[in-house]
Amino acid sequence: MDQNWRHLPSPARPIASATTAAVDAAQRRDEEALTGAVDDLAGLDPAPTGLVLGTLIRLLLEQTHPDGLDGEAVRAVLEHAVRESAAWQPEVDPHVVLLLLAGALGVTGEDDGAPPPKPGVLARHAALLAADLLGPRPVAPQLTAAFTEIQRAQLND
């Protein structure tokens, strides 16, 4: 079922469409569809795309851990997401998943001089992580909540 994103501002629509397609593909373990959607995500402006993906992941973490996350919970999320993804995406990189988790939680580390992952790598791993956190639930309602949260935060800043 296609989600209608017409209610979003025009710059947000392609992010919403590509995110939905990527996460749906990851949930179905459809390599071809995931690659196409990741290519679409990677071609978008990285700042707003990263904001949307990070907010989506943060909201999913909050839903799956309503009492908060400690180090053990983050480790469990990381291990589960990597293990599930590696079953069909052998190139999954635990370090990239950790970077996404840290970013979604607002934790910034020191710059170790290593180049950041490429947008396509980040998009693929974000879709895999979101799909793992969602389980069988559809992404559209969660993505709508992420856009609502972004809008609320921008209005209050």
N, C-alpha and C. Protein backbone atom coordinates (compact mmCIF):
# COMPACT_ATOMS: atom_id res chain seq x y z
N MET A 1 0.84 -1.18 0.00
CA MET A 1 0.00 0.00 0.00
C MET A 1 0.88 1.24 0.00
N ASP A 2 0.65 2.14 -0.94
CA ASP A 2 1.44 3.36 -1.03
C ASP A 2 0.93 4.38 -0.03
N GLN A 3 1.87 5.00 0.66
CA GLN A 3 1.55 6.06 1.61
C GLN A 3 1.49 7.38 0.86
N ASN A 4 0.49 8.16 1.15
CA ASN A 4 0.35 9.48 0.54
C ASN A 4 1.04 10.49 1.47
N TRP A 5 2.07 11.12 0.98
CA TRP A 5 2.83 12.07 1.78
C TRP A 5 2.54 13.51 1.36
N ARG A 6 1.42 13.77 0.67
CA ARG A 6 1.11 15.12 0.19
C ARG A 6 0.95 16.14 1.29
N HIS A 7 0.66 15.70 2.50
CA HIS A 7 0.49 16.64 3.62
C HIS A 7 1.82 17.21 4.09
N LEU A 8 2.93 16.61 3.67
CA LEU A 8 4.26 17.09 4.08
C LEU A 8 4.73 18.21 3.17
N PRO A 9 5.62 19.07 3.67
CA PRO A 9 6.23 20.07 2.80
C PRO A 9 6.97 19.37 1.66
N SER A 10 7.04 20.01 0.52
CA SER A 10 7.61 19.36 -0.67
C SER A 10 9.03 18.82 -0.47
N PRO A 11 9.92 19.49 0.29
CA PRO A 11 11.25 18.91 0.47
C PRO A 11 11.25 17.60 1.28
N ALA A 12 10.22 17.39 2.11
CA ALA A 12 10.15 16.20 2.95
C ALA A 12 9.57 14.99 2.22
N ARG A 13 8.81 15.22 1.16
CA ARG A 13 8.12 14.11 0.48
C ARG A 13 9.06 13.05 -0.08
N PRO A 14 10.13 13.43 -0.80
CA PRO A 14 11.00 12.37 -1.30
C PRO A 14 11.72 11.61 -0.18
N ILE A 15 12.01 12.28 0.93
CA ILE A 15 12.63 11.60 2.06
C ILE A 15 11.66 10.58 2.63
N ALA A 16 10.41 10.99 2.79
CA ALA A 16 9.39 10.09 3.32
C ALA A 16 9.17 8.89 2.40
N SER A 17 9.07 9.16 1.11
CA SER A 17 8.84 8.06 0.15
C SER A 17 10.01 7.09 0.11
N ALA A 18 11.22 7.62 0.04
CA ALA A 18 12.40 6.75 -0.04
C ALA A 18 12.62 6.00 1.27
N THR A 19 12.36 6.65 2.40
CA THR A 19 12.50 5.97 3.70
C THR A 19 11.49 4.84 3.81
N THR A 20 10.26 5.12 3.45
CA THR A 20 9.23 4.09 3.49
C THR A 20 9.62 2.91 2.61
N ALA A 21 10.05 3.20 1.40
CA ALA A 21 10.44 2.12 0.47
C ALA A 21 11.62 1.33 1.01
N ALA A 22 12.61 2.01 1.58
CA ALA A 22 13.80 1.32 2.09
C ALA A 22 13.46 0.44 3.28
N VAL A 23 12.72 0.96 4.23
CA VAL A 23 12.39 0.17 5.42
C VAL A 23 11.46 -0.98 5.05
N ASP A 24 10.47 -0.73 4.19
CA ASP A 24 9.59 -1.81 3.73
C ASP A 24 10.40 -2.91 3.06
N ALA A 25 11.34 -2.53 2.21
CA ALA A 25 12.18 -3.51 1.52
C ALA A 25 13.03 -4.29 2.52
N ALA A 26 13.56 -3.61 3.51
CA ALA A 26 14.36 -4.30 4.53
C ALA A 26 13.49 -5.26 5.33
N GLN A 27 12.28 -4.88 5.63
CA GLN A 27 11.38 -5.77 6.36
C GLN A 27 11.06 -7.02 5.54
N ARG A 28 10.94 -6.85 4.23
CA ARG A 28 10.63 -7.98 3.34
C ARG A 28 11.88 -8.74 2.91
N ARG A 29 13.06 -8.18 3.26
CA ARG A 29 14.35 -8.75 2.85
C ARG A 29 14.44 -8.84 1.33
N ASP A 30 14.02 -7.75 0.70
CA ASP A 30 14.03 -7.63 -0.76
C ASP A 30 15.26 -6.80 -1.16
N GLU A 31 16.32 -7.49 -1.55
CA GLU A 31 17.60 -6.84 -1.87
C GLU A 31 17.46 -5.81 -2.99
N GLU A 32 16.78 -6.17 -4.05
CA GLU A 32 16.66 -5.27 -5.19
C GLU A 32 15.91 -3.99 -4.82
N ALA A 33 14.79 -4.14 -4.14
CA ALA A 33 14.02 -2.96 -3.72
C ALA A 33 14.80 -2.12 -2.72
N LEU A 34 15.52 -2.77 -1.81
CA LEU A 34 16.31 -2.04 -0.83
C LEU A 34 17.40 -1.22 -1.51
N THR A 35 18.08 -1.82 -2.46
CA THR A 35 19.14 -1.11 -3.17
C THR A 35 18.59 0.12 -3.89
N GLY A 36 17.46 -0.03 -4.56
CA GLY A 36 16.85 1.11 -5.25
C GLY A 36 16.46 2.22 -4.29
N ALA A 37 15.84 1.85 -3.17
CA ALA A 37 15.41 2.85 -2.20
C ALA A 37 16.60 3.51 -1.52
N VAL A 38 17.63 2.74 -1.23
CA VAL A 38 18.85 3.30 -0.63
C VAL A 38 19.52 4.27 -1.59
N ASP A 39 19.55 3.93 -2.86
CA ASP A 39 20.10 4.85 -3.86
C ASP A 39 19.32 6.16 -3.88
N ASP A 40 18.00 6.05 -3.78
CA ASP A 40 17.16 7.25 -3.73
C ASP A 40 17.47 8.08 -2.48
N LEU A 41 17.55 7.43 -1.33
CA LEU A 41 17.87 8.14 -0.08
C LEU A 41 19.24 8.80 -0.15
N ALA A 42 20.21 8.07 -0.67
CA ALA A 42 21.59 8.59 -0.73
C ALA A 42 21.70 9.79 -1.65
N GLY A 43 20.79 9.92 -2.60
CA GLY A 43 20.81 11.03 -3.52
C GLY A 43 20.15 12.30 -2.99
N LEU A 44 19.55 12.21 -1.82
CA LEU A 44 18.86 13.36 -1.23
C LEU A 44 19.82 14.15 -0.34
N ASP A 45 19.41 15.36 0.00
CA ASP A 45 20.21 16.22 0.89
C ASP A 45 20.47 15.47 2.19
N PRO A 46 21.73 15.26 2.56
CA PRO A 46 22.02 14.43 3.74
C PRO A 46 21.57 15.02 5.07
N ALA A 47 21.52 16.34 5.20
CA ALA A 47 21.15 16.92 6.50
C ALA A 47 19.69 16.60 6.86
N PRO A 48 18.71 16.95 6.03
CA PRO A 48 17.34 16.63 6.42
C PRO A 48 17.07 15.13 6.39
N THR A 49 17.72 14.41 5.49
CA THR A 49 17.52 12.96 5.44
C THR A 49 18.03 12.33 6.73
N GLY A 50 19.21 12.76 7.18
CA GLY A 50 19.75 12.25 8.43
C GLY A 50 18.89 12.60 9.62
N LEU A 51 18.33 13.81 9.61
CA LEU A 51 17.44 14.22 10.70
C LEU A 51 16.22 13.31 10.77
N VAL A 52 15.62 13.03 9.62
CA VAL A 52 14.42 12.18 9.59
C VAL A 52 14.76 10.76 10.03
N LEU A 53 15.83 10.19 9.47
CA LEU A 53 16.21 8.82 9.84
C LEU A 53 16.59 8.73 11.32
N GLY A 54 17.34 9.71 11.81
CA GLY A 54 17.73 9.71 13.21
C GLY A 54 16.53 9.84 14.14
N THR A 55 15.59 10.71 13.77
CA THR A 55 14.39 10.87 14.60
C THR A 55 13.55 9.61 14.58
N LEU A 56 13.42 8.99 13.42
CA LEU A 56 12.67 7.74 13.32
C LEU A 56 13.29 6.68 14.23
N ILE A 57 14.59 6.52 14.16
CA ILE A 57 15.27 5.52 14.98
C ILE A 57 15.13 5.85 16.47
N ARG A 58 15.27 7.13 16.82
CA ARG A 58 15.12 7.52 18.24
C ARG A 58 13.73 7.19 18.75
N LEU A 59 12.70 7.51 17.96
CA LEU A 59 11.33 7.22 18.39
C LEU A 59 11.10 5.71 18.52
N LEU A 60 11.66 4.94 17.61
CA LEU A 60 11.52 3.48 17.71
C LEU A 60 12.23 2.95 18.94
N LEU A 61 13.39 3.50 19.24
CA LEU A 61 14.10 3.09 20.46
C LEU A 61 13.29 3.44 21.70
N GLU A 62 12.68 4.62 21.71
CA GLU A 62 11.86 5.03 22.85
C GLU A 62 10.65 4.12 23.01
N GLN A 63 10.06 3.70 21.89
CA GLN A 63 8.90 2.81 21.95
C GLN A 63 9.27 1.42 22.45
N THR A 64 10.40 0.93 22.00
CA THR A 64 10.79 -0.42 22.38
C THR A 64 11.46 -0.46 23.76
N HIS A 65 11.84 0.69 24.28
CA HIS A 65 12.47 0.78 25.60
C HIS A 65 11.87 1.96 26.36
N PRO A 66 10.60 1.86 26.74
CA PRO A 66 9.92 3.01 27.37
C PRO A 66 10.53 3.44 28.71
N ASP A 67 11.28 2.56 29.36
CA ASP A 67 11.91 2.93 30.63
C ASP A 67 13.30 3.49 30.43
N GLY A 68 13.71 3.70 29.18
CA GLY A 68 15.02 4.25 28.88
C GLY A 68 16.01 3.18 28.47
N LEU A 69 17.11 3.61 27.93
CA LEU A 69 18.15 2.70 27.47
C LEU A 69 19.40 2.89 28.29
N ASP A 70 19.93 1.79 28.76
CA ASP A 70 21.25 1.82 29.38
C ASP A 70 22.22 1.17 28.41
N GLY A 71 23.45 1.06 28.81
CA GLY A 71 24.47 0.49 27.94
C GLY A 71 24.14 -0.92 27.49
N GLU A 72 23.59 -1.72 28.38
CA GLU A 72 23.23 -3.10 28.03
C GLU A 72 22.11 -3.13 26.99
N ALA A 73 21.14 -2.24 27.13
CA ALA A 73 20.03 -2.21 26.18
C ALA A 73 20.53 -1.79 24.80
N VAL A 74 21.41 -0.80 24.75
CA VAL A 74 21.97 -0.36 23.47
C VAL A 74 22.76 -1.50 22.84
N ARG A 75 23.53 -2.19 23.66
CA ARG A 75 24.31 -3.34 23.15
C ARG A 75 23.38 -4.42 22.60
N ALA A 76 22.28 -4.69 23.30
CA ALA A 76 21.32 -5.70 22.85
C ALA A 76 20.67 -5.29 21.52
N VAL A 77 20.31 -4.02 21.39
CA VAL A 77 19.73 -3.53 20.14
C VAL A 77 20.74 -3.68 19.01
N LEU A 78 21.97 -3.27 19.27
CA LEU A 78 23.03 -3.37 18.27
C LEU A 78 23.23 -4.81 17.84
N GLU A 79 23.39 -5.71 18.80
CA GLU A 79 23.64 -7.11 18.48
C GLU A 79 22.48 -7.73 17.71
N HIS A 80 21.25 -7.45 18.14
CA HIS A 80 20.09 -8.03 17.46
C HIS A 80 19.98 -7.52 16.03
N ALA A 81 20.12 -6.21 15.86
CA ALA A 81 20.00 -5.62 14.52
C ALA A 81 21.08 -6.16 13.58
N VAL A 82 22.29 -6.25 14.07
CA VAL A 82 23.40 -6.75 13.23
C VAL A 82 23.19 -8.22 12.90
N ARG A 83 22.83 -9.01 13.89
CA ARG A 83 22.63 -10.44 13.67
C ARG A 83 21.50 -10.70 12.66
N GLU A 84 20.37 -10.02 12.85
CA GLU A 84 19.24 -10.20 11.93
C GLU A 84 19.57 -9.73 10.52
N SER A 85 20.25 -8.60 10.43
CA SER A 85 20.60 -8.04 9.12
C SER A 85 21.65 -8.89 8.41
N ALA A 86 22.63 -9.37 9.16
CA ALA A 86 23.71 -10.15 8.56
C ALA A 86 23.22 -11.45 7.94
N ALA A 87 22.06 -11.91 8.38
CA ALA A 87 21.50 -13.14 7.81
C ALA A 87 21.21 -13.00 6.32
N TRP A 88 20.98 -11.76 5.86
CA TRP A 88 20.71 -11.57 4.43
C TRP A 88 21.50 -10.40 3.84
N GLN A 89 22.18 -9.65 4.68
CA GLN A 89 23.03 -8.53 4.26
C GLN A 89 24.40 -8.74 4.88
N PRO A 90 25.22 -9.62 4.31
CA PRO A 90 26.49 -9.96 4.97
C PRO A 90 27.45 -8.79 5.12
N GLU A 91 27.26 -7.72 4.37
CA GLU A 91 28.18 -6.58 4.48
C GLU A 91 27.79 -5.62 5.60
N VAL A 92 26.77 -5.96 6.40
CA VAL A 92 26.36 -5.08 7.49
C VAL A 92 27.56 -4.83 8.41
N ASP A 93 27.72 -3.56 8.79
CA ASP A 93 28.87 -3.14 9.59
C ASP A 93 28.38 -2.71 10.98
N PRO A 94 28.75 -3.46 12.02
CA PRO A 94 28.30 -3.09 13.37
C PRO A 94 28.70 -1.67 13.77
N HIS A 95 29.84 -1.20 13.28
CA HIS A 95 30.28 0.15 13.63
C HIS A 95 29.31 1.20 13.06
N VAL A 96 28.82 0.98 11.85
CA VAL A 96 27.87 1.93 11.26
C VAL A 96 26.56 1.90 12.04
N VAL A 97 26.09 0.72 12.44
CA VAL A 97 24.87 0.63 13.24
C VAL A 97 25.08 1.35 14.57
N LEU A 98 26.24 1.19 15.17
CA LEU A 98 26.54 1.89 16.42
C LEU A 98 26.53 3.40 16.22
N LEU A 99 27.11 3.87 15.12
CA LEU A 99 27.08 5.30 14.82
C LEU A 99 25.65 5.81 14.70
N LEU A 100 24.79 5.04 14.05
CA LEU A 100 23.39 5.43 13.89
C LEU A 100 22.68 5.46 15.24
N LEU A 101 22.93 4.45 16.07
CA LEU A 101 22.33 4.44 17.40
C LEU A 101 22.80 5.64 18.22
N ALA A 102 24.08 5.89 18.21
CA ALA A 102 24.63 7.02 18.96
C ALA A 102 24.05 8.34 18.46
N GLY A 103 24.00 8.50 17.16
CA GLY A 103 23.44 9.73 16.60
C GLY A 103 21.98 9.91 16.95
N ALA A 104 21.20 8.83 16.89
CA ALA A 104 19.78 8.92 17.22
C ALA A 104 19.57 9.28 18.68
N LEU A 105 20.50 8.86 19.52
CA LEU A 105 20.40 9.14 20.95
C LEU A 105 21.06 10.46 21.34
N GLY A 106 21.62 11.17 20.34
CA GLY A 106 22.24 12.46 20.61
C GLY A 106 23.62 12.36 21.22
N VAL A 107 24.25 11.21 21.07
CA VAL A 107 25.60 11.02 21.61
C VAL A 107 26.58 11.26 20.48
N THR A 108 27.45 12.22 20.68
CA THR A 108 28.47 12.47 19.67
C THR A 108 29.81 12.11 20.24
N GLY A 109 30.57 11.39 19.47
CA GLY A 109 31.90 10.98 19.91
C GLY A 109 32.95 11.93 19.38
N GLU A 110 34.16 11.67 19.79
CA GLU A 110 35.28 12.45 19.29
C GLU A 110 35.57 12.05 17.86
N ASP A 111 36.03 13.00 17.09
CA ASP A 111 36.41 12.73 15.71
C ASP A 111 37.72 11.95 15.72
N ASP A 112 37.65 10.71 15.23
CA ASP A 112 38.84 9.87 15.24
C ASP A 112 39.64 10.00 13.94
N GLY A 113 39.22 10.91 13.09
CA GLY A 113 39.93 11.14 11.84
C GLY A 113 39.49 10.22 10.72
N ALA A 114 38.70 9.22 11.03
CA ALA A 114 38.20 8.31 9.99
C ALA A 114 37.12 9.03 9.19
N PRO A 115 37.08 8.80 7.89
CA PRO A 115 36.03 9.43 7.10
C PRO A 115 34.66 8.88 7.50
N PRO A 116 33.64 9.72 7.49
CA PRO A 116 32.31 9.22 7.84
C PRO A 116 31.82 8.25 6.76
N PRO A 117 30.93 7.35 7.13
CA PRO A 117 30.37 6.44 6.13
C PRO A 117 29.67 7.21 5.02
N LYS A 118 29.69 6.66 3.85
CA LYS A 118 29.03 7.29 2.69
C LYS A 118 27.52 7.29 2.90
N PRO A 119 26.82 8.24 2.26
CA PRO A 119 25.36 8.33 2.44
C PRO A 119 24.62 7.02 2.14
N GLY A 120 25.04 6.31 1.12
CA GLY A 120 24.37 5.04 0.79
C GLY A 120 24.55 4.00 1.88
N VAL A 121 25.72 3.98 2.50
CA VAL A 121 25.99 3.04 3.59
C VAL A 121 25.13 3.40 4.79
N LEU A 122 25.08 4.68 5.12
CA LEU A 122 24.24 5.12 6.23
C LEU A 122 22.77 4.82 5.97
N ALA A 123 22.30 5.09 4.77
CA ALA A 123 20.89 4.86 4.44
C ALA A 123 20.55 3.38 4.54
N ARG A 124 21.41 2.52 4.00
CA ARG A 124 21.15 1.07 4.06
C ARG A 124 21.10 0.60 5.52
N HIS A 125 22.07 1.00 6.30
CA HIS A 125 22.11 0.56 7.69
C HIS A 125 20.95 1.15 8.50
N ALA A 126 20.56 2.38 8.21
CA ALA A 126 19.41 2.98 8.91
C ALA A 126 18.13 2.22 8.58
N ALA A 127 17.97 1.83 7.33
CA ALA A 127 16.78 1.05 6.95
C ALA A 127 16.78 -0.31 7.63
N LEU A 128 17.94 -0.95 7.70
CA LEU A 128 18.05 -2.25 8.37
C LEU A 128 17.75 -2.12 9.86
N LEU A 129 18.30 -1.09 10.49
CA LEU A 129 18.07 -0.88 11.91
C LEU A 129 16.61 -0.57 12.19
N ALA A 130 16.03 0.32 11.40
CA ALA A 130 14.61 0.66 11.59
C ALA A 130 13.73 -0.56 11.39
N ALA A 131 14.02 -1.35 10.37
CA ALA A 131 13.22 -2.55 10.11
C ALA A 131 13.31 -3.52 11.29
N ASP A 132 14.50 -3.64 11.86
CA ASP A 132 14.66 -4.54 13.00
C ASP A 132 13.88 -4.02 14.21
N LEU A 133 13.93 -2.73 14.45
CA LEU A 133 13.21 -2.15 15.59
C LEU A 133 11.69 -2.21 15.39
N LEU A 134 11.25 -2.11 14.15
CA LEU A 134 9.82 -2.15 13.85
C LEU A 134 9.24 -3.56 13.97
N GLY A 135 10.03 -4.56 13.62
CA GLY A 135 9.47 -5.91 13.53
C GLY A 135 8.45 -5.94 12.40
N PRO A 136 7.29 -6.50 12.63
CA PRO A 136 6.29 -6.59 11.56
C PRO A 136 5.42 -5.33 11.39
N ARG A 137 5.59 -4.35 12.26
CA ARG A 137 4.76 -3.14 12.18
C ARG A 137 5.10 -2.33 10.93
N PRO A 138 4.13 -1.63 10.37
CA PRO A 138 4.42 -0.78 9.21
C PRO A 138 5.19 0.46 9.62
N VAL A 139 5.99 0.97 8.71
CA VAL A 139 6.83 2.13 9.01
C VAL A 139 6.07 3.45 8.90
N ALA A 140 5.05 3.53 8.05
CA ALA A 140 4.39 4.81 7.78
C ALA A 140 3.91 5.53 9.05
N PRO A 141 3.21 4.87 9.97
CA PRO A 141 2.78 5.60 11.17
C PRO A 141 3.96 6.10 12.01
N GLN A 142 5.02 5.33 12.06
CA GLN A 142 6.19 5.73 12.83
C GLN A 142 6.91 6.91 12.15
N LEU A 143 6.95 6.87 10.84
CA LEU A 143 7.56 7.96 10.09
C LEU A 143 6.73 9.23 10.22
N THR A 144 5.44 9.09 10.22
CA THR A 144 4.56 10.24 10.46
C THR A 144 4.85 10.84 11.83
N ALA A 145 5.02 9.99 12.82
CA ALA A 145 5.36 10.47 14.17
C ALA A 145 6.70 11.19 14.17
N ALA A 146 7.65 10.70 13.39
CA ALA A 146 8.96 11.35 13.31
C ALA A 146 8.84 12.75 12.71
N PHE A 147 8.06 12.88 11.65
CA PHE A 147 7.87 14.21 11.04
C PHE A 147 7.14 15.14 12.01
N THR A 148 6.19 14.61 12.74
CA THR A 148 5.48 15.42 13.73
C THR A 148 6.44 15.90 14.81
N GLU A 149 7.32 15.01 15.26
CA GLU A 149 8.31 15.36 16.28
C GLU A 149 9.28 16.43 15.76
N ILE A 150 9.72 16.29 14.52
CA ILE A 150 10.62 17.28 13.92
C ILE A 150 9.92 18.64 13.84
N GLN A 151 8.67 18.63 13.39
CA GLN A 151 7.92 19.88 13.29
C GLN A 151 7.75 20.53 14.66
N ARG A 152 7.41 19.73 15.66
CA ARG A 152 7.25 20.25 17.01
C ARG A 152 8.54 20.86 17.53
N ALA A 153 9.64 20.16 17.31
CA ALA A 153 10.94 20.66 17.78
C ALA A 153 11.32 21.96 17.07
N GLN A 154 11.03 22.05 15.78
CA GLN A 154 11.36 23.27 15.05
C GLN A 154 10.49 24.44 15.46
N LEU A 155 9.26 24.19 15.79
CA LEU A 155 8.36 25.25 16.23
C LEU A 155 8.74 25.76 17.62
N ASN A 156 9.31 24.89 18.43
CA ASN A 156 9.68 25.26 19.80
C ASN A 156 11.08 25.82 19.92
N ASP A 157 11.84 25.81 18.83
CA ASP A 157 13.21 26.36 18.87
C ASP A 157 13.24 27.83 18.55
